[in-house]
Amino acid sequence: MTRRFPVARPCLGELEERYVLDAVRSGWISSHGPYLRRFEEEFAAHCGVPAAVGTANGTVALHLALAAAGIGPGDEVVVPALTYVASANAVTYCGATPVFVDVSPATWCVDVSEVAAVVGPRTRAVVAVDLYGHPADYGALRRLCDRHGLLLVGDAAESFGGRVGDRRVGELADVSTFSFFGNKIITAGEGGCVTTVRADLADRMRLLRNQGMDPRRRYHFVEVGFNYRMTNIAAALLCAQLERVRQIVGRRDEILHRYEEALSGPLDAQPVAAGVRRAPWMASFLVPAGRHRTRATGSSRSWTGAGWRPGRSSSRSRSCRHTRGRSAAPTRSRPTWPGAASTCPPTAT
């Protein structure tokens, strides 16, 4: 019988329990409270930016960033074809059109030359996805976006803690969005955040996430907004996770390296570009043709799950623009949550 193993388990301990209990006992359990302020300040500092805006989850963080920038009907937003569906969904929430382009075999992140080929008069933004924790080529994307006056959005849902040179994920784009879903490097069960170096975008995102309420005049709504707020309880969890982030990331790094040492040869690990410090979200591998299902040696254990399927394979993507591509090559991922290596041994045939 095939045994199934979890893709992720949260790494929670006494500190998380203590902070959550403190939030509950304080009575601040909704979208105000000291942990919210503390989380936003500490997360911004961790990413090296002046502003962080907490949200209910990573998908609405993307939508909020695009909406705050004025993306709307008639606009096009370039999105990599190989990504989780939320990257494109957020574009459609704005009434804009996702334009899918291929990824680079050198990183599995969006191919900058493919982006350049589809930029046109309706293009307003580029969403760069840090696939499986590997930061995109932000240097080249920054130059391209500056040349055409485009918003650069970093979808960093999977790459918290990554770096390109001495710059951290979160400060590499105009806005960067994060997810704190249960399978992410740090988690609150659900939750998200947007970081930015632009004060105008930060102010507008805070307005829109709170139903469009004037921050200087309570219950006076100046425009249609959204209920995208983070709770103080979620922020309490995240404050504890940030205190323990070195421990969490260090252990995940160890597990990822064990998988790559054991599986290099039978499978091709995701390449890492020079100067990049990837985030250890998943240990991901390209599966050779004819080996779409990989089993552990001498046991009934199977891979925990496939990698992301191309966004253009969605039945809802018929109205989107596409380019030809390599993105359908099958991938498989192994979990890196602390303890995963002892539960899901890194062996394969």
C-alpha atoms as a PDB file:
ATOM      1  CA  MET A   1       0.000   0.000   0.000  1.00  0.00           C
ATOM      2  CA  THR A   2       1.278   3.472  -0.880  1.00  0.00           C
ATOM      3  CA  ARG A   3       1.861   5.664   2.160  1.00  0.00           C
ATOM      4  CA  ARG A   4       1.295   9.406   1.921  1.00  0.00           C
ATOM      5  CA  PHE A   5       3.342  11.962   3.788  1.00  0.00           C
ATOM      6  CA  PRO A   6       2.490  15.602   4.460  1.00  0.00           C
ATOM      7  CA  VAL A   7       4.012  18.244   2.218  1.00  0.00           C
ATOM      8  CA  ALA A   8       4.400  20.454   5.276  1.00  0.00           C
ATOM      9  CA  ARG A   9       4.026  20.638   9.017  1.00  0.00           C
ATOM     10  CA  PRO A  10       4.377  23.899  10.942  1.00  0.00           C
ATOM     11  CA  CYS A  11       7.357  24.287  13.259  1.00  0.00           C
ATOM     12  CA  LEU A  12       5.648  25.624  16.386  1.00  0.00           C
ATOM     13  CA  GLY A  13       6.813  25.655  19.987  1.00  0.00           C
ATOM     14  CA  GLU A  14       6.443  27.172  23.421  1.00  0.00           C
ATOM     15  CA  LEU A  15       7.119  30.718  22.249  1.00  0.00           C
ATOM     16  CA  GLU A  16       4.285  30.626  19.696  1.00  0.00           C
ATOM     17  CA  GLU A  17       1.939  29.211  22.342  1.00  0.00           C
ATOM     18  CA  ARG A  18       2.919  31.925  24.818  1.00  0.00           C
ATOM     19  CA  TYR A  19       2.437  34.800  22.382  1.00  0.00           C
ATOM     20  CA  VAL A  20      -0.921  33.509  21.125  1.00  0.00           C
ATOM     21  CA  LEU A  21      -2.174  32.997  24.662  1.00  0.00           C
ATOM     22  CA  ASP A  22      -1.059  36.530  25.509  1.00  0.00           C
ATOM     23  CA  ALA A  23      -3.011  37.886  22.524  1.00  0.00           C
ATOM     24  CA  VAL A  24      -6.126  35.931  23.512  1.00  0.00           C
ATOM     25  CA  ARG A  25      -5.966  37.047  27.136  1.00  0.00           C
ATOM     26  CA  SER A  26      -5.466  40.661  26.098  1.00  0.00           C
ATOM     27  CA  GLY A  27      -8.774  40.652  24.225  1.00  0.00           C
ATOM     28  CA  TRP A  28      -7.048  41.938  21.058  1.00  0.00           C
ATOM     29  CA  ILE A  29      -7.942  39.053  18.755  1.00  0.00           C
ATOM     30  CA  SER A  30      -9.101  40.887  15.623  1.00  0.00           C
ATOM     31  CA  SER A  31      -7.426  43.371  13.290  1.00  0.00           C
ATOM     32  CA  HIS A  32      -5.930  45.689  15.908  1.00  0.00           C
ATOM     33  CA  GLY A  33      -3.390  45.053  18.625  1.00  0.00           C
ATOM     34  CA  PRO A  34       0.236  45.327  19.671  1.00  0.00           C
ATOM     35  CA  TYR A  35       1.401  42.187  17.876  1.00  0.00           C
ATOM     36  CA  LEU A  36       0.188  43.584  14.546  1.00  0.00           C
ATOM     37  CA  ARG A  37       2.256  46.733  14.904  1.00  0.00           C
ATOM     38  CA  ARG A  38       5.237  44.757  16.129  1.00  0.00           C
ATOM     39  CA  PHE A  39       5.041  42.220  13.302  1.00  0.00           C
ATOM     40  CA  GLU A  40       4.888  44.850  10.568  1.00  0.00           C
ATOM     41  CA  GLU A  41       7.840  46.741  12.035  1.00  0.00           C
ATOM     42  CA  GLU A  42       9.969  43.619  12.531  1.00  0.00           C
ATOM     43  CA  PHE A  43       9.110  42.119   9.142  1.00  0.00           C
ATOM     44  CA  ALA A  44       9.974  45.362   7.358  1.00  0.00           C
ATOM     45  CA  ALA A  45      13.303  45.483   9.205  1.00  0.00           C
ATOM     46  CA  HIS A  46      14.010  41.849   8.326  1.00  0.00           C
ATOM     47  CA  CYS A  47      13.442  42.603   4.624  1.00  0.00           C
ATOM     48  CA  GLY A  48      15.361  45.891   4.704  1.00  0.00           C
ATOM     49  CA  VAL A  49      12.424  48.082   3.652  1.00  0.00           C
ATOM     50  CA  PRO A  50      10.621  51.010   5.298  1.00  0.00           C
ATOM     51  CA  ALA A  51       7.109  49.532   5.101  1.00  0.00           C
ATOM     52  CA  ALA A  52       5.322  46.196   5.523  1.00  0.00           C
ATOM     53  CA  VAL A  53       1.548  45.811   5.283  1.00  0.00           C
ATOM     54  CA  GLY A  54       0.082  42.681   6.899  1.00  0.00           C
ATOM     55  CA  THR A  55      -2.784  40.923   5.131  1.00  0.00           C
ATOM     56  CA  ALA A  56      -5.149  37.995   5.587  1.00  0.00           C
ATOM     57  CA  ASN A  57      -3.223  35.727   3.184  1.00  0.00           C
ATOM     58  CA  GLY A  58      -0.729  35.743   0.346  1.00  0.00           C
ATOM     59  CA  THR A  59      -3.268  35.810  -2.484  1.00  0.00           C
ATOM     60  CA  VAL A  60      -4.940  38.976  -1.235  1.00  0.00           C
ATOM     61  CA  ALA A  61      -1.479  40.475  -0.684  1.00  0.00           C
ATOM     62  CA  LEU A  62      -0.905  40.144  -4.442  1.00  0.00           C
ATOM     63  CA  HIS A  63      -4.329  41.552  -5.265  1.00  0.00           C
ATOM     64  CA  LEU A  64      -3.831  44.449  -2.843  1.00  0.00           C
ATOM     65  CA  ALA A  65      -0.455  45.359  -4.377  1.00  0.00           C
ATOM     66  CA  LEU A  66      -1.857  45.364  -7.910  1.00  0.00           C
ATOM     67  CA  ALA A  67      -5.017  47.244  -6.920  1.00  0.00           C
ATOM     68  CA  ALA A  68      -3.009  49.887  -5.061  1.00  0.00           C
ATOM     69  CA  ALA A  69      -0.974  50.463  -8.221  1.00  0.00           C
ATOM     70  CA  GLY A  70      -4.155  51.036 -10.228  1.00  0.00           C
ATOM     71  CA  ILE A  71      -4.034  47.869 -12.342  1.00  0.00           C
ATOM     72  CA  GLY A  72      -7.453  47.374 -13.929  1.00  0.00           C
ATOM     73  CA  PRO A  73      -9.537  46.420 -16.974  1.00  0.00           C
ATOM     74  CA  GLY A  74      -7.694  46.759 -20.249  1.00  0.00           C
ATOM     75  CA  ASP A  75      -4.289  46.258 -18.632  1.00  0.00           C
ATOM     76  CA  GLU A  76      -1.973  43.301 -19.124  1.00  0.00           C
ATOM     77  CA  VAL A  77       0.293  41.820 -16.453  1.00  0.00           C
ATOM     78  CA  VAL A  78       3.117  39.433 -17.344  1.00  0.00           C
ATOM     79  CA  VAL A  79       3.148  36.251 -15.219  1.00  0.00           C
ATOM     80  CA  PRO A  80       5.395  33.170 -15.467  1.00  0.00           C
ATOM     81  CA  ALA A  81       3.617  30.125 -16.859  1.00  0.00           C
ATOM     82  CA  LEU A  82       5.094  27.917 -14.129  1.00  0.00           C
ATOM     83  CA  THR A  83       3.598  29.125 -10.855  1.00  0.00           C
ATOM     84  CA  TYR A  84       0.803  28.540  -8.369  1.00  0.00           C
ATOM     85  CA  VAL A  85      -2.548  29.717  -9.730  1.00  0.00           C
ATOM     86  CA  ALA A  86      -2.850  32.602  -7.231  1.00  0.00           C
ATOM     87  CA  SER A  87      -0.224  34.588  -9.153  1.00  0.00           C
ATOM     88  CA  ALA A  88      -2.591  34.825 -12.125  1.00  0.00           C
ATOM     89  CA  ASN A  89      -5.814  34.904 -10.115  1.00  0.00           C
ATOM     90  CA  ALA A  90      -4.784  38.158  -8.459  1.00  0.00           C
ATOM     91  CA  VAL A  91      -4.413  39.747 -11.900  1.00  0.00           C
ATOM     92  CA  THR A  92      -7.899  38.672 -12.944  1.00  0.00           C
ATOM     93  CA  TYR A  93      -9.377  40.031  -9.684  1.00  0.00           C
ATOM     94  CA  CYS A  94      -8.323  43.464 -10.961  1.00  0.00           C
ATOM     95  CA  GLY A  95     -10.049  42.882 -14.287  1.00  0.00           C
ATOM     96  CA  ALA A  96      -6.677  42.788 -16.030  1.00  0.00           C
ATOM     97  CA  THR A  97      -5.338  40.058 -18.346  1.00  0.00           C
ATOM     98  CA  PRO A  98      -2.492  37.723 -17.348  1.00  0.00           C
ATOM     99  CA  VAL A  99       0.083  37.183 -20.092  1.00  0.00           C
ATOM    100  CA  PHE A 100       1.877  33.895 -19.485  1.00  0.00           C
ATOM    101  CA  VAL A 101       5.528  33.596 -20.485  1.00  0.00           C
ATOM    102  CA  ASP A 102       8.063  30.819 -20.147  1.00  0.00           C
ATOM    103  CA  VAL A 103      10.603  30.218 -17.421  1.00  0.00           C
ATOM    104  CA  SER A 104      14.373  29.942 -17.717  1.00  0.00           C
ATOM    105  CA  PRO A 105      15.933  26.457 -17.466  1.00  0.00           C
ATOM    106  CA  ALA A 106      18.790  28.089 -15.535  1.00  0.00           C
ATOM    107  CA  THR A 107      16.598  28.911 -12.509  1.00  0.00           C
ATOM    108  CA  TRP A 108      13.004  27.816 -13.290  1.00  0.00           C
ATOM    109  CA  CYS A 109      12.016  31.458 -12.678  1.00  0.00           C
ATOM    110  CA  VAL A 110      10.577  33.772 -15.316  1.00  0.00           C
ATOM    111  CA  ASP A 111      12.757  34.198 -18.414  1.00  0.00           C
ATOM    112  CA  VAL A 112      13.527  37.909 -18.789  1.00  0.00           C
ATOM    113  CA  SER A 113      13.941  37.651 -22.563  1.00  0.00           C
ATOM    114  CA  GLU A 114      10.462  36.133 -22.815  1.00  0.00           C
ATOM    115  CA  VAL A 115       9.070  38.999 -20.733  1.00  0.00           C
ATOM    116  CA  ALA A 116      10.716  41.550 -23.034  1.00  0.00           C
ATOM    117  CA  ALA A 117       9.165  39.853 -26.065  1.00  0.00           C
ATOM    118  CA  VAL A 118       5.577  40.355 -24.873  1.00  0.00           C
ATOM    119  CA  VAL A 119       5.754  43.888 -23.450  1.00  0.00           C
ATOM    120  CA  GLY A 120       3.307  46.060 -25.365  1.00  0.00           C
ATOM    121  CA  PRO A 121       1.215  49.200 -25.014  1.00  0.00           C
ATOM    122  CA  ARG A 122      -1.214  47.537 -22.579  1.00  0.00           C
ATOM    123  CA  THR A 123       1.460  46.057 -20.303  1.00  0.00           C
ATOM    124  CA  ARG A 124       1.371  47.620 -16.820  1.00  0.00           C
ATOM    125  CA  ALA A 125       3.269  45.212 -14.571  1.00  0.00           C
ATOM    126  CA  VAL A 126       5.425  42.108 -14.290  1.00  0.00           C
ATOM    127  CA  VAL A 127       4.895  39.518 -11.549  1.00  0.00           C
ATOM    128  CA  ALA A 128       8.195  37.732 -10.858  1.00  0.00           C
ATOM    129  CA  VAL A 129       7.617  34.480  -8.964  1.00  0.00           C
ATOM    130  CA  ASP A 130      10.434  33.134  -6.779  1.00  0.00           C
ATOM    131  CA  LEU A 131       9.698  29.543  -7.698  1.00  0.00           C
ATOM    132  CA  TYR A 132      10.239  26.977  -4.923  1.00  0.00           C
ATOM    133  CA  GLY A 133      12.264  29.588  -3.004  1.00  0.00           C
ATOM    134  CA  HIS A 134      14.699  30.685  -5.750  1.00  0.00           C
ATOM    135  CA  PRO A 135      14.632  34.485  -6.302  1.00  0.00           C
ATOM    136  CA  ALA A 136      13.967  35.618  -9.860  1.00  0.00           C
ATOM    137  CA  ASP A 137      16.483  37.665 -11.860  1.00  0.00           C
ATOM    138  CA  TYR A 138      15.471  40.968 -10.285  1.00  0.00           C
ATOM    139  CA  GLY A 139      18.432  42.906 -11.626  1.00  0.00           C
ATOM    140  CA  ALA A 140      17.497  42.264 -15.247  1.00  0.00           C
ATOM    141  CA  LEU A 141      13.781  42.615 -14.524  1.00  0.00           C
ATOM    142  CA  ARG A 142      14.386  45.940 -12.778  1.00  0.00           C
ATOM    143  CA  ARG A 143      16.192  47.315 -15.809  1.00  0.00           C
ATOM    144  CA  LEU A 144      13.456  46.088 -18.153  1.00  0.00           C
ATOM    145  CA  CYS A 145      10.647  47.501 -16.022  1.00  0.00           C
ATOM    146  CA  ASP A 146      12.377  50.858 -15.601  1.00  0.00           C
ATOM    147  CA  ARG A 147      12.880  51.088 -19.353  1.00  0.00           C
ATOM    148  CA  HIS A 148       9.162  50.571 -20.023  1.00  0.00           C
ATOM    149  CA  GLY A 149       7.701  52.245 -16.927  1.00  0.00           C
ATOM    150  CA  LEU A 150       6.282  48.994 -15.504  1.00  0.00           C
ATOM    151  CA  LEU A 151       5.497  47.995 -11.930  1.00  0.00           C
ATOM    152  CA  LEU A 152       7.725  45.137 -10.738  1.00  0.00           C
ATOM    153  CA  VAL A 153       5.971  42.800  -8.307  1.00  0.00           C
ATOM    154  CA  GLY A 154       7.933  40.107  -6.493  1.00  0.00           C
ATOM    155  CA  ASP A 155       5.780  37.092  -5.624  1.00  0.00           C
ATOM    156  CA  ALA A 156       7.897  35.952  -2.686  1.00  0.00           C
ATOM    157  CA  ALA A 157       5.324  33.556  -1.227  1.00  0.00           C
ATOM    158  CA  GLU A 158       7.931  30.769  -1.264  1.00  0.00           C
ATOM    159  CA  SER A 159      11.174  32.693  -0.807  1.00  0.00           C
ATOM    160  CA  PHE A 160      11.202  34.368   2.609  1.00  0.00           C
ATOM    161  CA  GLY A 161      14.837  34.565   3.712  1.00  0.00           C
ATOM    162  CA  GLY A 162      16.302  34.441   0.209  1.00  0.00           C
ATOM    163  CA  ARG A 163      18.925  36.873  -1.082  1.00  0.00           C
ATOM    164  CA  VAL A 164      20.429  38.094  -4.319  1.00  0.00           C
ATOM    165  CA  GLY A 165      23.936  39.234  -3.491  1.00  0.00           C
ATOM    166  CA  ASP A 166      23.668  41.331  -0.349  1.00  0.00           C
ATOM    167  CA  ARG A 167      20.036  42.306  -1.004  1.00  0.00           C
ATOM    168  CA  ARG A 168      17.157  40.509   0.649  1.00  0.00           C
ATOM    169  CA  VAL A 169      13.956  39.192  -0.857  1.00  0.00           C
ATOM    170  CA  GLY A 170      11.400  41.855  -0.006  1.00  0.00           C
ATOM    171  CA  GLU A 171      13.512  44.790  -1.176  1.00  0.00           C
ATOM    172  CA  LEU A 172      14.179  43.662  -4.748  1.00  0.00           C
ATOM    173  CA  ALA A 173      10.952  44.856  -6.405  1.00  0.00           C
ATOM    174  CA  ASP A 174       8.589  47.820  -6.185  1.00  0.00           C
ATOM    175  CA  VAL A 175       6.353  45.633  -4.051  1.00  0.00           C
ATOM    176  CA  SER A 176       6.947  42.095  -2.778  1.00  0.00           C
ATOM    177  CA  THR A 177       4.252  39.793  -1.470  1.00  0.00           C
ATOM    178  CA  PHE A 178       4.561  36.989   1.058  1.00  0.00           C
ATOM    179  CA  SER A 179       2.419  34.083   2.223  1.00  0.00           C
ATOM    180  CA  PHE A 180       2.273  32.603   5.721  1.00  0.00           C
ATOM    181  CA  PHE A 181       0.098  29.626   4.845  1.00  0.00           C
ATOM    182  CA  GLY A 182       0.713  26.456   6.841  1.00  0.00           C
ATOM    183  CA  ASN A 183       3.283  25.078   4.368  1.00  0.00           C
ATOM    184  CA  LYS A 184       5.462  28.202   4.203  1.00  0.00           C
ATOM    185  CA  ILE A 185       8.836  28.808   5.870  1.00  0.00           C
ATOM    186  CA  ILE A 186       7.229  30.866   8.627  1.00  0.00           C
ATOM    187  CA  THR A 187       3.519  30.465   9.199  1.00  0.00           C
ATOM    188  CA  ALA A 188       0.430  31.681  10.992  1.00  0.00           C
ATOM    189  CA  GLY A 189      -1.844  29.081   9.390  1.00  0.00           C
ATOM    190  CA  GLU A 190      -3.000  31.850   7.078  1.00  0.00           C
ATOM    191  CA  GLY A 191      -1.620  35.330   6.582  1.00  0.00           C
ATOM    192  CA  GLY A 192       0.306  37.454   4.133  1.00  0.00           C
ATOM    193  CA  CYS A 193       2.294  40.650   3.823  1.00  0.00           C
ATOM    194  CA  VAL A 194       3.370  43.227   1.251  1.00  0.00           C
ATOM    195  CA  THR A 195       6.716  45.003   1.557  1.00  0.00           C
ATOM    196  CA  THR A 196       7.607  48.122  -0.384  1.00  0.00           C
ATOM    197  CA  VAL A 197      10.086  50.964  -0.577  1.00  0.00           C
ATOM    198  CA  ARG A 198       7.360  53.287  -1.873  1.00  0.00           C
ATOM    199  CA  ALA A 199       5.493  55.267   0.775  1.00  0.00           C
ATOM    200  CA  ASP A 200       2.665  56.101  -1.657  1.00  0.00           C
ATOM    201  CA  LEU A 201       1.927  52.432  -2.299  1.00  0.00           C
ATOM    202  CA  ALA A 202       2.154  51.557   1.398  1.00  0.00           C
ATOM    203  CA  ASP A 203      -0.389  54.265   2.317  1.00  0.00           C
ATOM    204  CA  ARG A 204      -2.752  53.211  -0.440  1.00  0.00           C
ATOM    205  CA  MET A 205      -2.545  49.523   0.502  1.00  0.00           C
ATOM    206  CA  ARG A 206      -3.377  50.347   4.120  1.00  0.00           C
ATOM    207  CA  LEU A 207      -6.403  52.313   2.949  1.00  0.00           C
ATOM    208  CA  LEU A 208      -7.678  49.585   0.625  1.00  0.00           C
ATOM    209  CA  ARG A 209      -7.125  46.644   2.998  1.00  0.00           C
ATOM    210  CA  ASN A 210      -9.389  48.328   5.602  1.00  0.00           C
ATOM    211  CA  GLN A 211     -12.537  48.712   3.467  1.00  0.00           C
ATOM    212  CA  GLY A 212     -11.363  52.087   2.123  1.00  0.00           C
ATOM    213  CA  MET A 213     -11.814  53.753   5.520  1.00  0.00           C
ATOM    214  CA  ASP A 214     -10.149  57.139   6.022  1.00  0.00           C
ATOM    215  CA  PRO A 215      -7.323  56.527   8.539  1.00  0.00           C
ATOM    216  CA  ARG A 216      -7.933  59.958  10.077  1.00  0.00           C
ATOM    217  CA  ARG A 217     -11.727  59.653  10.310  1.00  0.00           C
ATOM    218  CA  ARG A 218     -13.080  56.388  11.676  1.00  0.00           C
ATOM    219  CA  TYR A 219     -16.041  54.874   9.789  1.00  0.00           C
ATOM    220  CA  HIS A 220     -15.745  57.412   6.998  1.00  0.00           C
ATOM    221  CA  PHE A 221     -15.206  55.416   3.807  1.00  0.00           C
ATOM    222  CA  VAL A 222     -13.601  57.381   1.020  1.00  0.00           C
ATOM    223  CA  GLU A 223     -13.686  54.610  -1.609  1.00  0.00           C
ATOM    224  CA  VAL A 224     -14.498  50.954  -2.145  1.00  0.00           C
ATOM    225  CA  GLY A 225     -11.898  48.789  -0.448  1.00  0.00           C
ATOM    226  CA  PHE A 226     -11.449  45.240   0.841  1.00  0.00           C
ATOM    227  CA  ASN A 227     -11.402  43.389   4.140  1.00  0.00           C
ATOM    228  CA  TYR A 228      -7.847  42.113   3.794  1.00  0.00           C
ATOM    229  CA  ARG A 229      -6.660  42.690   7.363  1.00  0.00           C
ATOM    230  CA  MET A 230      -4.443  40.382   9.392  1.00  0.00           C
ATOM    231  CA  THR A 231      -5.545  39.426  12.921  1.00  0.00           C
ATOM    232  CA  ASN A 232      -3.560  40.150  16.056  1.00  0.00           C
ATOM    233  CA  ILE A 233      -3.535  36.391  16.819  1.00  0.00           C
ATOM    234  CA  ALA A 234      -1.918  35.619  13.464  1.00  0.00           C
ATOM    235  CA  ALA A 235       0.585  38.413  14.064  1.00  0.00           C
ATOM    236  CA  ALA A 236       1.416  36.955  17.485  1.00  0.00           C
ATOM    237  CA  LEU A 237       2.301  33.637  15.851  1.00  0.00           C
ATOM    238  CA  LEU A 238       4.434  35.409  13.275  1.00  0.00           C
ATOM    239  CA  CYS A 239       6.313  37.471  15.872  1.00  0.00           C
ATOM    240  CA  ALA A 240       7.333  34.204  17.533  1.00  0.00           C
ATOM    241  CA  GLN A 241       8.281  32.659  14.182  1.00  0.00           C
ATOM    242  CA  LEU A 242      10.459  35.662  13.324  1.00  0.00           C
ATOM    243  CA  GLU A 243      12.331  35.263  16.615  1.00  0.00           C
ATOM    244  CA  ARG A 244      13.055  31.637  15.704  1.00  0.00           C
ATOM    245  CA  VAL A 245      13.611  32.126  11.975  1.00  0.00           C
ATOM    246  CA  ARG A 246      17.343  31.271  12.014  1.00  0.00           C
ATOM    247  CA  GLN A 247      16.617  27.962  13.699  1.00  0.00           C
ATOM    248  CA  ILE A 248      13.759  27.146  11.314  1.00  0.00           C
ATOM    249  CA  VAL A 249      15.647  28.093   8.157  1.00  0.00           C
ATOM    250  CA  GLY A 250      18.841  26.382   9.307  1.00  0.00           C
ATOM    251  CA  ARG A 251      17.083  23.070   9.812  1.00  0.00           C
ATOM    252  CA  ARG A 252      15.273  23.325   6.477  1.00  0.00           C
ATOM    253  CA  ASP A 253      18.611  24.042   4.763  1.00  0.00           C
ATOM    254  CA  GLU A 254      20.069  20.852   6.222  1.00  0.00           C
ATOM    255  CA  ILE A 255      17.153  18.759   4.983  1.00  0.00           C
ATOM    256  CA  LEU A 256      17.182  20.302   1.496  1.00  0.00           C
ATOM    257  CA  HIS A 257      20.900  19.579   1.123  1.00  0.00           C
ATOM    258  CA  ARG A 258      20.390  15.966   2.231  1.00  0.00           C
ATOM    259  CA  TYR A 259      17.802  15.432  -0.492  1.00  0.00           C
ATOM    260  CA  GLU A 260      19.992  16.985  -3.159  1.00  0.00           C
ATOM    261  CA  GLU A 261      23.017  14.917  -2.155  1.00  0.00           C
ATOM    262  CA  ALA A 262      20.989  11.705  -2.208  1.00  0.00           C
ATOM    263  CA  LEU A 263      18.991  12.342  -5.372  1.00  0.00           C
ATOM    264  CA  SER A 264      21.494  14.056  -7.677  1.00  0.00           C
ATOM    265  CA  GLY A 265      22.022  11.727 -10.597  1.00  0.00           C
ATOM    266  CA  PRO A 266      18.649   9.993 -10.756  1.00  0.00           C
ATOM    267  CA  LEU A 267      16.980  13.419 -10.822  1.00  0.00           C
ATOM    268  CA  ASP A 268      18.027  16.966 -11.682  1.00  0.00           C
ATOM    269  CA  ALA A 269      17.769  19.409  -8.772  1.00  0.00           C
ATOM    270  CA  GLN A 270      16.558  22.942  -9.359  1.00  0.00           C
ATOM    271  CA  PRO A 271      19.605  24.986 -10.436  1.00  0.00           C
ATOM    272  CA  VAL A 272      20.796  27.860  -8.251  1.00  0.00           C
ATOM    273  CA  ALA A 273      22.112  30.998  -9.969  1.00  0.00           C
ATOM    274  CA  ALA A 274      25.446  32.521  -8.973  1.00  0.00           C
ATOM    275  CA  GLY A 275      25.158  34.991  -6.134  1.00  0.00           C
ATOM    276  CA  VAL A 276      21.737  33.692  -5.055  1.00  0.00           C
ATOM    277  CA  ARG A 277      20.885  32.456  -1.594  1.00  0.00           C
ATOM    278  CA  ARG A 278      17.652  30.542  -2.148  1.00  0.00           C
ATOM    279  CA  ALA A 279      15.080  30.032   0.572  1.00  0.00           C
ATOM    280  CA  PRO A 280      14.748  26.358   1.568  1.00  0.00           C
ATOM    281  CA  TRP A 281      11.036  26.026   0.861  1.00  0.00           C
ATOM    282  CA  MET A 282      11.014  22.802  -1.158  1.00  0.00           C
ATOM    283  CA  ALA A 283      13.645  20.434  -2.486  1.00  0.00           C
ATOM    284  CA  SER A 284      12.529  20.302  -6.111  1.00  0.00           C
ATOM    285  CA  PHE A 285      13.695  18.095  -8.972  1.00  0.00           C
ATOM    286  CA  LEU A 286      13.148  17.774 -12.693  1.00  0.00           C
ATOM    287  CA  VAL A 287      11.875  14.294 -13.543  1.00  0.00           C
ATOM    288  CA  PRO A 288      13.412  12.638 -16.625  1.00  0.00           C
ATOM    289  CA  ALA A 289      11.064  11.627 -19.413  1.00  0.00           C
ATOM    290  CA  GLY A 290       9.250   8.386 -18.657  1.00  0.00           C
ATOM    291  CA  ARG A 291       9.756   8.671 -14.888  1.00  0.00           C
ATOM    292  CA  HIS A 292       6.786  10.747 -13.852  1.00  0.00           C
ATOM    293  CA  ARG A 293       6.347   8.746 -10.657  1.00  0.00           C
ATOM    294  CA  THR A 294       9.301   8.169  -8.364  1.00  0.00           C
ATOM    295  CA  ARG A 295       9.307   5.743  -5.453  1.00  0.00           C
ATOM    296  CA  ALA A 296      11.621   5.383  -2.501  1.00  0.00           C
ATOM    297  CA  THR A 297      14.014   2.463  -2.649  1.00  0.00           C
ATOM    298  CA  GLY A 298      12.782  -0.748  -1.055  1.00  0.00           C
ATOM    299  CA  SER A 299       9.696   0.750   0.545  1.00  0.00           C
ATOM    300  CA  SER A 300       6.142   1.801  -0.162  1.00  0.00           C
ATOM    301  CA  ARG A 301       6.897   5.488   0.290  1.00  0.00           C
ATOM    302  CA  SER A 302       6.044   7.776  -2.586  1.00  0.00           C
ATOM    303  CA  TRP A 303       6.734  11.390  -3.434  1.00  0.00           C
ATOM    304  CA  THR A 304       4.654  13.813  -1.457  1.00  0.00           C
ATOM    305  CA  GLY A 305       3.509  15.758  -4.483  1.00  0.00           C
ATOM    306  CA  ALA A 306       4.097  17.136  -7.916  1.00  0.00           C
ATOM    307  CA  GLY A 307       5.494  20.570  -8.550  1.00  0.00           C
ATOM    308  CA  TRP A 308       3.281  23.401  -9.772  1.00  0.00           C
ATOM    309  CA  ARG A 309       1.546  22.824 -13.081  1.00  0.00           C
ATOM    310  CA  PRO A 310       1.751  25.492 -15.780  1.00  0.00           C
ATOM    311  CA  GLY A 311      -0.766  28.281 -15.271  1.00  0.00           C
ATOM    312  CA  ARG A 312      -1.763  28.056 -18.902  1.00  0.00           C
ATOM    313  CA  SER A 313      -3.092  24.525 -18.262  1.00  0.00           C
ATOM    314  CA  SER A 314      -5.955  25.972 -16.215  1.00  0.00           C
ATOM    315  CA  SER A 315      -9.388  25.706 -17.828  1.00  0.00           C
ATOM    316  CA  ARG A 316      -9.928  29.366 -16.939  1.00  0.00           C
ATOM    317  CA  SER A 317      -6.880  30.567 -18.844  1.00  0.00           C
ATOM    318  CA  ARG A 318      -8.470  30.508 -22.304  1.00  0.00           C
ATOM    319  CA  SER A 319      -8.953  34.284 -22.190  1.00  0.00           C
ATOM    320  CA  CYS A 320      -5.295  34.841 -21.269  1.00  0.00           C
ATOM    321  CA  ARG A 321      -2.348  35.357 -23.583  1.00  0.00           C
ATOM    322  CA  HIS A 322       0.270  32.618 -23.785  1.00  0.00           C
ATOM    323  CA  THR A 323       3.687  32.028 -25.241  1.00  0.00           C
ATOM    324  CA  ARG A 324       5.076  28.655 -26.251  1.00  0.00           C
ATOM    325  CA  GLY A 325       7.305  27.065 -23.646  1.00  0.00           C
ATOM    326  CA  ARG A 326       9.147  24.478 -21.609  1.00  0.00           C
ATOM    327  CA  SER A 327       7.000  24.964 -18.498  1.00  0.00           C
ATOM    328  CA  ALA A 328       5.167  21.656 -18.767  1.00  0.00           C
ATOM    329  CA  ALA A 329       8.273  19.588 -17.925  1.00  0.00           C
ATOM    330  CA  PRO A 330       7.315  17.455 -14.892  1.00  0.00           C
ATOM    331  CA  THR A 331       8.797  18.286 -11.520  1.00  0.00           C
ATOM    332  CA  ARG A 332       8.549  16.667  -8.100  1.00  0.00           C
ATOM    333  CA  SER A 333       9.129  18.283  -4.724  1.00  0.00           C
ATOM    334  CA  ARG A 334      10.174  16.976  -1.326  1.00  0.00           C
ATOM    335  CA  PRO A 335       9.206  18.648   1.955  1.00  0.00           C
ATOM    336  CA  THR A 336      11.792  20.504   4.047  1.00  0.00           C
ATOM    337  CA  TRP A 337       9.853  21.133   7.257  1.00  0.00           C
ATOM    338  CA  PRO A 338      11.926  20.319  10.360  1.00  0.00           C
ATOM    339  CA  GLY A 339      11.661  16.578  10.936  1.00  0.00           C
ATOM    340  CA  ALA A 340      10.773  15.796   7.323  1.00  0.00           C
ATOM    341  CA  ALA A 341      14.016  13.952   6.550  1.00  0.00           C
ATOM    342  CA  SER A 342      13.409  11.365   9.270  1.00  0.00           C
ATOM    343  CA  THR A 343       9.790  10.867   8.148  1.00  0.00           C
ATOM    344  CA  CYS A 344      10.362  10.927   4.372  1.00  0.00           C
ATOM    345  CA  PRO A 345      13.864   9.519   3.742  1.00  0.00           C
ATOM    346  CA  PRO A 346      15.683  11.099   0.762  1.00  0.00           C
ATOM    347  CA  THR A 347      16.146   7.991  -1.393  1.00  0.00           C
ATOM    348  CA  ALA A 348      14.792   7.283  -4.845  1.00  0.00           C
ATOM    349  CA  THR A 349      14.954   4.853  -7.731  1.00  0.00           C
END
